[in-house]
PDB file of N, CA and C in Angstrom:
ATOM      1  N   MET A   1       3.686  -7.236 -15.732  1.00  0.00           N
ATOM      2  CA  MET A   1       3.505  -5.799 -15.754  1.00  0.00           C
ATOM      3  C   MET A   1       2.844  -5.373 -14.451  1.00  0.00           C
ATOM      4  N   ASN A   2       3.441  -4.442 -13.743  1.00  0.00           N
ATOM      5  CA  ASN A   2       2.925  -3.985 -12.463  1.00  0.00           C
ATOM      6  C   ASN A   2       1.824  -2.962 -12.665  1.00  0.00           C
ATOM      7  N   MET A   3       0.685  -3.211 -12.051  1.00  0.00           N
ATOM      8  CA  MET A   3      -0.421  -2.255 -12.093  1.00  0.00           C
ATOM      9  C   MET A   3      -0.882  -1.946 -10.678  1.00  0.00           C
ATOM     10  N   LYS A   4       0.068  -2.068  -9.741  1.00  0.00           N
ATOM     11  CA  LYS A   4      -0.231  -1.822  -8.329  1.00  0.00           C
ATOM     12  C   LYS A   4       0.337  -0.479  -7.935  1.00  0.00           C
ATOM     13  N   MET A   5      -0.470   0.275  -7.182  1.00  0.00           N
ATOM     14  CA  MET A   5      -0.067   1.609  -6.713  1.00  0.00           C
ATOM     15  C   MET A   5       0.028   1.617  -5.195  1.00  0.00           C
ATOM     16  N   TYR A   6       0.932   2.440  -4.729  1.00  0.00           N
ATOM     17  CA  TYR A   6       1.023   2.777  -3.309  1.00  0.00           C
ATOM     18  C   TYR A   6       0.246   4.064  -3.129  1.00  0.00           C
ATOM     19  N   VAL A   7      -0.624   4.106  -2.142  1.00  0.00           N
ATOM     20  CA  VAL A   7      -1.401   5.309  -1.834  1.00  0.00           C
ATOM     21  C   VAL A   7      -1.087   5.663  -0.371  1.00  0.00           C
ATOM     22  N   GLY A   8      -0.392   6.777  -0.185  1.00  0.00           N
ATOM     23  CA  GLY A   8       0.022   7.175   1.153  1.00  0.00           C
ATOM     24  C   GLY A   8      -0.663   8.431   1.638  1.00  0.00           C
ATOM     25  N   ASN A   9      -0.460   8.708   2.913  1.00  0.00           N
ATOM     26  CA  ASN A   9      -1.007   9.878   3.608  1.00  0.00           C
ATOM     27  C   ASN A   9      -2.521   9.813   3.702  1.00  0.00           C
ATOM     28  N   LEU A  10      -3.054   8.596   3.880  1.00  0.00           N
ATOM     29  CA  LEU A  10      -4.490   8.434   4.040  1.00  0.00           C
ATOM     30  C   LEU A  10      -4.931   8.766   5.456  1.00  0.00           C
ATOM     31  N   SER A  11      -6.144   9.272   5.548  1.00  0.00           N
ATOM     32  CA  SER A  11      -6.767   9.443   6.856  1.00  0.00           C
ATOM     33  C   SER A  11      -6.986   8.052   7.449  1.00  0.00           C
ATOM     34  N   PHE A  12      -6.883   7.922   8.743  1.00  0.00           N
ATOM     35  CA  PHE A  12      -7.092   6.628   9.386  1.00  0.00           C
ATOM     36  C   PHE A  12      -8.549   6.171   9.305  1.00  0.00           C
ATOM     37  N   GLN A  13      -9.453   7.072   8.911  1.00  0.00           N
ATOM     38  CA  GLN A  13     -10.860   6.733   8.775  1.00  0.00           C
ATOM     39  C   GLN A  13     -11.214   6.267   7.350  1.00  0.00           C
ATOM     40  N   THR A  14     -10.279   6.320   6.422  1.00  0.00           N
ATOM     41  CA  THR A  14     -10.541   5.923   5.041  1.00  0.00           C
ATOM     42  C   THR A  14     -10.892   4.442   4.975  1.00  0.00           C
ATOM     43  N   THR A  15     -11.920   4.132   4.190  1.00  0.00           N
ATOM     44  CA  THR A  15     -12.341   2.734   4.037  1.00  0.00           C
ATOM     45  C   THR A  15     -11.931   2.184   2.673  1.00  0.00           C
ATOM     46  N   LYS A  16     -11.925   0.865   2.594  1.00  0.00           N
ATOM     47  CA  LYS A  16     -11.623   0.192   1.338  1.00  0.00           C
ATOM     48  C   LYS A  16     -12.616   0.615   0.254  1.00  0.00           C
ATOM     49  N   GLN A  17     -13.890   0.701   0.618  1.00  0.00           N
ATOM     50  CA  GLN A  17     -14.925   1.074  -0.360  1.00  0.00           C
ATOM     51  C   GLN A  17     -14.707   2.485  -0.885  1.00  0.00           C
ATOM     52  N   GLU A  18     -14.322   3.419  -0.016  1.00  0.00           N
ATOM     53  CA  GLU A  18     -14.044   4.789  -0.468  1.00  0.00           C
ATOM     54  C   GLU A  18     -12.900   4.814  -1.487  1.00  0.00           C
ATOM     55  N   LEU A  19     -11.864   4.038  -1.228  1.00  0.00           N
ATOM     56  CA  LEU A  19     -10.734   3.991  -2.159  1.00  0.00           C
ATOM     57  C   LEU A  19     -11.139   3.349  -3.482  1.00  0.00           C
ATOM     58  N   GLU A  20     -11.893   2.270  -3.413  1.00  0.00           N
ATOM     59  CA  GLU A  20     -12.355   1.631  -4.647  1.00  0.00           C
ATOM     60  C   GLU A  20     -13.193   2.595  -5.459  1.00  0.00           C
ATOM     61  N   ASP A  21     -14.081   3.333  -4.812  1.00  0.00           N
ATOM     62  CA  ASP A  21     -14.920   4.313  -5.508  1.00  0.00           C
ATOM     63  C   ASP A  21     -14.073   5.413  -6.148  1.00  0.00           C
ATOM     64  N   LEU A  22     -13.083   5.915  -5.407  1.00  0.00           N
ATOM     65  CA  LEU A  22     -12.216   6.980  -5.917  1.00  0.00           C
ATOM     66  C   LEU A  22     -11.423   6.529  -7.128  1.00  0.00           C
ATOM     67  N   PHE A  23     -10.771   5.379  -7.040  1.00  0.00           N
ATOM     68  CA  PHE A  23      -9.894   4.925  -8.107  1.00  0.00           C
ATOM     69  C   PHE A  23     -10.660   4.342  -9.296  1.00  0.00           C
ATOM     70  N   SER A  24     -11.885   3.882  -9.075  1.00  0.00           N
ATOM     71  CA  SER A  24     -12.661   3.307 -10.192  1.00  0.00           C
ATOM     72  C   SER A  24     -13.069   4.346 -11.216  1.00  0.00           C
ATOM     73  N   GLN A  25     -12.900   5.623 -10.892  1.00  0.00           N
ATOM     74  CA  GLN A  25     -13.162   6.687 -11.871  1.00  0.00           C
ATOM     75  C   GLN A  25     -12.174   6.611 -13.031  1.00  0.00           C
ATOM     76  N   TYR A  26     -11.067   5.903 -12.836  1.00  0.00           N
ATOM     77  CA  TYR A  26      -9.979   5.867 -13.836  1.00  0.00           C
ATOM     78  C   TYR A  26      -9.802   4.487 -14.458  1.00  0.00           C
ATOM     79  N   GLY A  27     -10.587   3.512 -14.042  1.00  0.00           N
ATOM     80  CA  GLY A  27     -10.512   2.166 -14.588  1.00  0.00           C
ATOM     81  C   GLY A  27     -11.010   1.161 -13.555  1.00  0.00           C
ATOM     82  N   THR A  28     -10.887  -0.089 -13.889  1.00  0.00           N
ATOM     83  CA  THR A  28     -11.373  -1.151 -12.995  1.00  0.00           C
ATOM     84  C   THR A  28     -10.351  -1.438 -11.897  1.00  0.00           C
ATOM     85  N   VAL A  29     -10.820  -1.349 -10.671  1.00  0.00           N
ATOM     86  CA  VAL A  29      -9.990  -1.689  -9.506  1.00  0.00           C
ATOM     87  C   VAL A  29     -10.139  -3.200  -9.279  1.00  0.00           C
ATOM     88  N   THR A  30      -9.012  -3.912  -9.325  1.00  0.00           N
ATOM     89  CA  THR A  30      -9.061  -5.357  -9.122  1.00  0.00           C
ATOM     90  C   THR A  30      -8.740  -5.764  -7.680  1.00  0.00           C
ATOM     91  N   ASP A  31      -8.093  -4.854  -6.924  1.00  0.00           N
ATOM     92  CA  ASP A  31      -7.809  -5.154  -5.524  1.00  0.00           C
ATOM     93  C   ASP A  31      -7.510  -3.849  -4.783  1.00  0.00           C
ATOM     94  N   ALA A  32      -7.950  -3.802  -3.541  1.00  0.00           N
ATOM     95  CA  ALA A  32      -7.638  -2.683  -2.659  1.00  0.00           C
ATOM     96  C   ALA A  32      -7.277  -3.284  -1.314  1.00  0.00           C
ATOM     97  N   HIS A  33      -6.075  -2.960  -0.824  1.00  0.00           N
ATOM     98  CA  HIS A  33      -5.597  -3.519   0.436  1.00  0.00           C
ATOM     99  C   HIS A  33      -5.146  -2.392   1.355  1.00  0.00           C
ATOM    100  N   LEU A  34      -5.750  -2.314   2.531  1.00  0.00           N
ATOM    101  CA  LEU A  34      -5.381  -1.339   3.550  1.00  0.00           C
ATOM    102  C   LEU A  34      -4.757  -2.094   4.713  1.00  0.00           C
ATOM    103  N   PRO A  35      -3.428  -2.109   4.810  1.00  0.00           N
ATOM    104  CA  PRO A  35      -2.780  -2.814   5.915  1.00  0.00           C
ATOM    105  C   PRO A  35      -3.192  -2.232   7.267  1.00  0.00           C
ATOM    106  N   GLU A  36      -3.285  -3.133   8.244  1.00  0.00           N
ATOM    107  CA  GLU A  36      -3.636  -2.713   9.590  1.00  0.00           C
ATOM    108  C   GLU A  36      -2.469  -2.988  10.537  1.00  0.00           C
ATOM    109  N   ASP A  37      -2.394  -2.182  11.590  1.00  0.00           N
ATOM    110  CA  ASP A  37      -1.396  -2.386  12.628  1.00  0.00           C
ATOM    111  C   ASP A  37      -1.681  -3.704  13.322  1.00  0.00           C
ATOM    112  N   ARG A  38      -0.657  -4.525  13.520  1.00  0.00           N
ATOM    113  CA  ARG A  38      -0.837  -5.846  14.129  1.00  0.00           C
ATOM    114  C   ARG A  38      -1.347  -5.753  15.559  1.00  0.00           C
ATOM    115  N   GLU A  39      -0.918  -4.741  16.263  1.00  0.00           N
ATOM    116  CA  GLU A  39      -1.260  -4.640  17.680  1.00  0.00           C
ATOM    117  C   GLU A  39      -2.625  -4.023  17.918  1.00  0.00           C
ATOM    118  N   THR A  40      -2.954  -2.952  17.172  1.00  0.00           N
ATOM    119  CA  THR A  40      -4.194  -2.231  17.435  1.00  0.00           C
ATOM    120  C   THR A  40      -5.317  -2.564  16.465  1.00  0.00           C
ATOM    121  N   GLY A  41      -4.976  -3.113  15.281  1.00  0.00           N
ATOM    122  CA  GLY A  41      -5.994  -3.398  14.282  1.00  0.00           C
ATOM    123  C   GLY A  41      -6.446  -2.174  13.514  1.00  0.00           C
ATOM    124  N   ARG A  42      -5.818  -1.030  13.813  1.00  0.00           N
ATOM    125  CA  ARG A  42      -6.176   0.211  13.121  1.00  0.00           C
ATOM    126  C   ARG A  42      -5.443   0.299  11.782  1.00  0.00           C
ATOM    127  N   PRO A  43      -6.053   0.996  10.819  1.00  0.00           N
ATOM    128  CA  PRO A  43      -5.359   1.203   9.539  1.00  0.00           C
ATOM    129  C   PRO A  43      -4.037   1.926   9.786  1.00  0.00           C
ATOM    130  N   ARG A  44      -3.065   1.673   8.890  1.00  0.00           N
ATOM    131  CA  ARG A  44      -1.730   2.245   9.044  1.00  0.00           C
ATOM    132  C   ARG A  44      -1.536   3.529   8.251  1.00  0.00           C
ATOM    133  N   GLY A  45      -2.550   3.991   7.530  1.00  0.00           N
ATOM    134  CA  GLY A  45      -2.444   5.266   6.835  1.00  0.00           C
ATOM    135  C   GLY A  45      -1.965   5.173   5.390  1.00  0.00           C
ATOM    136  N   PHE A  46      -1.922   3.939   4.865  1.00  0.00           N
ATOM    137  CA  PHE A  46      -1.569   3.782   3.458  1.00  0.00           C
ATOM    138  C   PHE A  46      -2.314   2.560   2.921  1.00  0.00           C
ATOM    139  N   ALA A  47      -2.296   2.433   1.585  1.00  0.00           N
ATOM    140  CA  ALA A  47      -2.996   1.330   0.933  1.00  0.00           C
ATOM    141  C   ALA A  47      -2.274   0.943  -0.348  1.00  0.00           C
ATOM    142  N   PHE A  48      -2.652  -0.200  -0.868  1.00  0.00           N
ATOM    143  CA  PHE A  48      -2.198  -0.628  -2.182  1.00  0.00           C
ATOM    144  C   PHE A  48      -3.433  -0.870  -3.040  1.00  0.00           C
ATOM    145  N   ILE A  49      -3.466  -0.236  -4.194  1.00  0.00           N
ATOM    146  CA  ILE A  49      -4.582  -0.374  -5.134  1.00  0.00           C
ATOM    147  C   ILE A  49      -4.042  -1.005  -6.405  1.00  0.00           C
ATOM    148  N   THR A  50      -4.716  -2.026  -6.895  1.00  0.00           N
ATOM    149  CA  THR A  50      -4.330  -2.679  -8.151  1.00  0.00           C
ATOM    150  C   THR A  50      -5.428  -2.426  -9.175  1.00  0.00           C
ATOM    151  N   MET A  51      -5.008  -2.037 -10.371  1.00  0.00           N
ATOM    152  CA  MET A  51      -5.959  -1.749 -11.450  1.00  0.00           C
ATOM    153  C   MET A  51      -5.765  -2.774 -12.566  1.00  0.00           C
ATOM    154  N   ASP A  52      -6.728  -2.824 -13.467  1.00  0.00           N
ATOM    155  CA  ASP A  52      -6.710  -3.864 -14.511  1.00  0.00           C
ATOM    156  C   ASP A  52      -5.817  -3.544 -15.706  1.00  0.00           C
ATOM    157  N   SER A  53      -5.314  -2.308 -15.779  1.00  0.00           N
ATOM    158  CA  SER A  53      -4.423  -1.967 -16.894  1.00  0.00           C
ATOM    159  C   SER A  53      -3.406  -0.926 -16.466  1.00  0.00           C
ATOM    160  N   LYS A  54      -2.292  -0.932 -17.155  1.00  0.00           N
ATOM    161  CA  LYS A  54      -1.226   0.037 -16.893  1.00  0.00           C
ATOM    162  C   LYS A  54      -1.720   1.451 -17.175  1.00  0.00           C
ATOM    163  N   SER A  55      -2.491   1.637 -18.250  1.00  0.00           N
ATOM    164  CA  SER A  55      -2.974   2.978 -18.592  1.00  0.00           C
ATOM    165  C   SER A  55      -3.939   3.508 -17.525  1.00  0.00           C
ATOM    166  N   ALA A  56      -4.787   2.637 -16.960  1.00  0.00           N
ATOM    167  CA  ALA A  56      -5.696   3.060 -15.899  1.00  0.00           C
ATOM    168  C   ALA A  56      -4.899   3.498 -14.662  1.00  0.00           C
ATOM    169  N   MET A  57      -3.854   2.723 -14.340  1.00  0.00           N
ATOM    170  CA  MET A  57      -2.998   3.078 -13.205  1.00  0.00           C
ATOM    171  C   MET A  57      -2.336   4.421 -13.438  1.00  0.00           C
ATOM    172  N   GLU A  58      -1.778   4.621 -14.619  1.00  0.00           N
ATOM    173  CA  GLU A  58      -1.090   5.879 -14.918  1.00  0.00           C
ATOM    174  C   GLU A  58      -2.057   7.064 -14.869  1.00  0.00           C
ATOM    175  N   ASP A  59      -3.287   6.884 -15.385  1.00  0.00           N
ATOM    176  CA  ASP A  59      -4.294   7.951 -15.331  1.00  0.00           C
ATOM    177  C   ASP A  59      -4.638   8.302 -13.881  1.00  0.00           C
ATOM    178  N   ALA A  60      -4.786   7.275 -13.048  1.00  0.00           N
ATOM    179  CA  ALA A  60      -5.129   7.499 -11.641  1.00  0.00           C
ATOM    180  C   ALA A  60      -3.991   8.238 -10.925  1.00  0.00           C
ATOM    181  N   ILE A  61      -2.761   7.844 -11.201  1.00  0.00           N
ATOM    182  CA  ILE A  61      -1.614   8.498 -10.563  1.00  0.00           C
ATOM    183  C   ILE A  61      -1.578   9.972 -10.958  1.00  0.00           C
ATOM    184  N   LYS A  62      -1.716  10.256 -12.256  1.00  0.00           N
ATOM    185  CA  LYS A  62      -1.674  11.654 -12.720  1.00  0.00           C
ATOM    186  C   LYS A  62      -2.779  12.490 -12.094  1.00  0.00           C
ATOM    187  N   ALA A  63      -3.966  11.890 -11.991  1.00  0.00           N
ATOM    188  CA  ALA A  63      -5.111  12.638 -11.495  1.00  0.00           C
ATOM    189  C   ALA A  63      -5.129  12.813  -9.970  1.00  0.00           C
ATOM    190  N   LEU A  64      -4.649  11.809  -9.243  1.00  0.00           N
ATOM    191  CA  LEU A  64      -4.857  11.805  -7.793  1.00  0.00           C
ATOM    192  C   LEU A  64      -3.644  12.162  -6.946  1.00  0.00           C
ATOM    193  N   ASP A  65      -2.436  12.023  -7.478  1.00  0.00           N
ATOM    194  CA  ASP A  65      -1.254  12.347  -6.668  1.00  0.00           C
ATOM    195  C   ASP A  65      -1.277  13.815  -6.273  1.00  0.00           C
ATOM    196  N   GLY A  66      -1.243  14.067  -4.979  1.00  0.00           N
ATOM    197  CA  GLY A  66      -1.237  15.436  -4.459  1.00  0.00           C
ATOM    198  C   GLY A  66      -2.609  16.035  -4.221  1.00  0.00           C
ATOM    199  N   THR A  67      -3.671  15.318  -4.610  1.00  0.00           N
ATOM    200  CA  THR A  67      -5.018  15.855  -4.405  1.00  0.00           C
ATOM    201  C   THR A  67      -5.493  15.585  -2.988  1.00  0.00           C
ATOM    202  N   GLU A  68      -6.433  16.397  -2.542  1.00  0.00           N
ATOM    203  CA  GLU A  68      -6.979  16.278  -1.182  1.00  0.00           C
ATOM    204  C   GLU A  68      -8.061  15.198  -1.164  1.00  0.00           C
ATOM    205  N   PHE A  69      -7.971  14.316  -0.166  1.00  0.00           N
ATOM    206  CA  PHE A  69      -8.969  13.270   0.032  1.00  0.00           C
ATOM    207  C   PHE A  69      -9.037  12.980   1.526  1.00  0.00           C
ATOM    208  N   GLY A  70     -10.208  13.133   2.094  1.00  0.00           N
ATOM    209  CA  GLY A  70     -10.360  12.879   3.519  1.00  0.00           C
ATOM    210  C   GLY A  70      -9.569  13.848   4.389  1.00  0.00           C
ATOM    211  N   GLY A  71      -9.380  15.075   3.872  1.00  0.00           N
ATOM    212  CA  GLY A  71      -8.667  16.093   4.646  1.00  0.00           C
ATOM    213  C   GLY A  71      -7.159  16.012   4.541  1.00  0.00           C
ATOM    214  N   ARG A  72      -6.639  15.142   3.674  1.00  0.00           N
ATOM    215  CA  ARG A  72      -5.181  14.983   3.550  1.00  0.00           C
ATOM    216  C   ARG A  72      -4.819  14.947   2.062  1.00  0.00           C
ATOM    217  N   ASN A  73      -3.581  15.364   1.754  1.00  0.00           N
ATOM    218  CA  ASN A  73      -3.099  15.311   0.379  1.00  0.00           C
ATOM    219  C   ASN A  73      -2.510  13.931   0.106  1.00  0.00           C
ATOM    220  N   LEU A  74      -3.087  13.239  -0.872  1.00  0.00           N
ATOM    221  CA  LEU A  74      -2.658  11.883  -1.190  1.00  0.00           C
ATOM    222  C   LEU A  74      -1.274  11.846  -1.833  1.00  0.00           C
ATOM    223  N   LYS A  75      -0.560  10.797  -1.568  1.00  0.00           N
ATOM    224  CA  LYS A  75       0.685  10.481  -2.257  1.00  0.00           C
ATOM    225  C   LYS A  75       0.416   9.189  -3.025  1.00  0.00           C
ATOM    226  N   VAL A  76       0.390   9.271  -4.361  1.00  0.00           N
ATOM    227  CA  VAL A  76       0.045   8.108  -5.182  1.00  0.00           C
ATOM    228  C   VAL A  76       1.170   7.873  -6.167  1.00  0.00           C
ATOM    229  N   ASN A  77       1.724   6.667  -6.155  1.00  0.00           N
ATOM    230  CA  ASN A  77       2.739   6.311  -7.155  1.00  0.00           C
ATOM    231  C   ASN A  77       2.745   4.811  -7.379  1.00  0.00           C
ATOM    232  N   GLU A  78       3.463   4.393  -8.406  1.00  0.00           N
ATOM    233  CA  GLU A  78       3.550   2.968  -8.713  1.00  0.00           C
ATOM    234  C   GLU A  78       4.267   2.265  -7.555  1.00  0.00           C
ATOM    235  N   ALA A  79       3.687   1.168  -7.118  1.00  0.00           N
ATOM    236  CA  ALA A  79       4.280   0.412  -6.013  1.00  0.00           C
ATOM    237  C   ALA A  79       5.575  -0.229  -6.483  1.00  0.00           C
ATOM    238  N   LYS A  80       6.569  -0.179  -5.631  1.00  0.00           N
ATOM    239  CA  LYS A  80       7.844  -0.818  -5.924  1.00  0.00           C
ATOM    240  C   LYS A  80       7.854  -2.205  -5.287  1.00  0.00           C
ATOM    241  N   PRO A  81       8.557  -3.143  -5.902  1.00  0.00           N
ATOM    242  CA  PRO A  81       8.636  -4.474  -5.280  1.00  0.00           C
ATOM    243  C   PRO A  81       9.234  -4.381  -3.887  1.00  0.00           C
ATOM    244  N   ARG A  82       8.743  -5.226  -3.012  1.00  0.00           N
ATOM    245  CA  ARG A  82       9.244  -5.246  -1.644  1.00  0.00           C
ATOM    246  C   ARG A  82      10.699  -5.684  -1.637  1.00  0.00           C
ATOM    247  N   GLU A  83      11.520  -4.931  -0.909  1.00  0.00           N
ATOM    248  CA  GLU A  83      12.942  -5.279  -0.811  1.00  0.00           C
ATOM    249  C   GLU A  83      13.122  -6.463   0.112  1.00  0.00           C
ATOM    250  N   ASP A  84      14.073  -7.311  -0.232  1.00  0.00           N
ATOM    251  CA  ASP A  84      14.411  -8.424   0.640  1.00  0.00           C
ATOM    252  C   ASP A  84      15.195  -7.869   1.820  1.00  0.00           C
ATOM    253  N   ARG A  85      14.630  -8.015   2.996  1.00  0.00           N
ATOM    254  CA  ARG A  85      15.287  -7.469   4.175  1.00  0.00           C
ATOM    255  C   ARG A  85      16.155  -8.516   4.867  1.00  0.00           C
ATOM    256  N   GLY A  86      16.427  -9.597   4.191  1.00  0.00           N
ATOM    257  CA  GLY A  86      17.305 -10.619   4.776  1.00  0.00           C
ATOM    258  C   GLY A  86      16.539 -11.555   5.671  1.00  0.00           C
ATOM    259  N   GLY A  87      17.181 -12.647   5.983  1.00  0.00           N
ATOM    260  CA  GLY A  87      16.556 -13.656   6.841  1.00  0.00           C
ATOM    261  C   GLY A  87      16.573 -13.232   8.290  1.00  0.00           C
ATOM    262  N   GLY A  88      15.976 -14.056   9.103  1.00  0.00           N
ATOM    263  CA  GLY A  88      15.922 -13.778  10.524  1.00  0.00           C
ATOM    264  C   GLY A  88      17.278 -13.961  11.186  1.00  0.00           C
ATOM    265  N   GLY A  89      17.298 -13.809  12.469  1.00  0.00           N
ATOM    266  CA  GLY A  89      18.549 -13.842  13.223  1.00  0.00           C
ATOM    267  C   GLY A  89      19.287 -15.166  13.133  1.00  0.00           C
ATOM    268  N   GLY A  90      18.624 -16.260  13.273  1.00  0.00           N
ATOM    269  CA  GLY A  90      19.327 -17.532  13.208  1.00  0.00           C
ATOM    270  C   GLY A  90      19.846 -17.980  14.557  1.00  0.00           C
ATOM    271  N   GLY A  91      19.464 -17.327  15.583  1.00  0.00           N
ATOM    272  CA  GLY A  91      19.839 -17.784  16.919  1.00  0.00           C
ATOM    273  C   GLY A  91      21.242 -17.403  17.320  1.00  0.00           C
ATOM    274  N   ARG A  92      21.772 -18.182  18.270  1.00  0.00           N
ATOM    275  CA  ARG A  92      23.091 -17.884  18.845  1.00  0.00           C
ATOM    276  C   ARG A  92      24.113 -18.893  18.359  1.00  0.00           C
ATOM    277  N   GLY A  93      24.173 -19.127  17.092  1.00  0.00           N
ATOM    278  CA  GLY A  93      25.094 -20.108  16.534  1.00  0.00           C
ATOM    279  C   GLY A  93      26.505 -19.925  17.053  1.00  0.00           C
ATOM    280  N   GLY A  94      27.215 -21.019  17.255  1.00  0.00           N
ATOM    281  CA  GLY A  94      28.596 -20.950  17.673  1.00  0.00           C
ATOM    282  C   GLY A  94      28.779 -21.067  19.175  1.00  0.00           C
ATOM    283  N   TYR A  95      27.708 -21.021  19.893  1.00  0.00           N
ATOM    284  CA  TYR A  95      27.817 -21.163  21.366  1.00  0.00           C
ATOM    285  C   TYR A  95      27.523 -22.606  21.723  1.00  0.00           C
ATOM    286  N   GLY A  96      28.513 -23.261  22.241  1.00  0.00           N
ATOM    287  CA  GLY A  96      28.351 -24.648  22.632  1.00  0.00           C
ATOM    288  C   GLY A  96      27.978 -24.765  24.090  1.00  0.00           C
ATOM    289  N   GLY A  97      27.825 -26.005  24.518  1.00  0.00           N
ATOM    290  CA  GLY A  97      27.525 -26.242  25.932  1.00  0.00           C
ATOM    291  C   GLY A  97      28.761 -26.091  26.775  1.00  0.00           C
ATOM    292  N   ARG A  98      28.617 -26.235  28.081  1.00  0.00           N
ATOM    293  CA  ARG A  98      29.765 -26.131  28.985  1.00  0.00           C
ATOM    294  C   ARG A  98      30.678 -27.315  28.832  1.00  0.00           C
ATOM    295  N   ARG A  99      31.938 -27.092  29.078  1.00  0.00           N
ATOM    296  CA  ARG A  99      32.875 -28.203  28.996  1.00  0.00           C
ATOM    297  C   ARG A  99      33.354 -28.595  30.354  1.00  0.00           C
TER     298      ARG A  99
END
């Protein structure tokens, strides 16, 4: 059972602790993850919050989706499984050496 939410449109100054405090009003937060840009190390403007129950997640979504937080209107919904984007390139198969 998925109890993970996608939280979008976050201010770049939002902290993990602020999100945990906000979402804990609706149940127990078991994980909060704020992805960072690989190059700059800055937050990417979204997060994933996991709660301990489906009902807590649903309550948080109903209460927080579209509300203002940190000067921005949050987008909160159930996280969808990551799509398989296929394997890597695989190189230049089929090109042999000179004859």
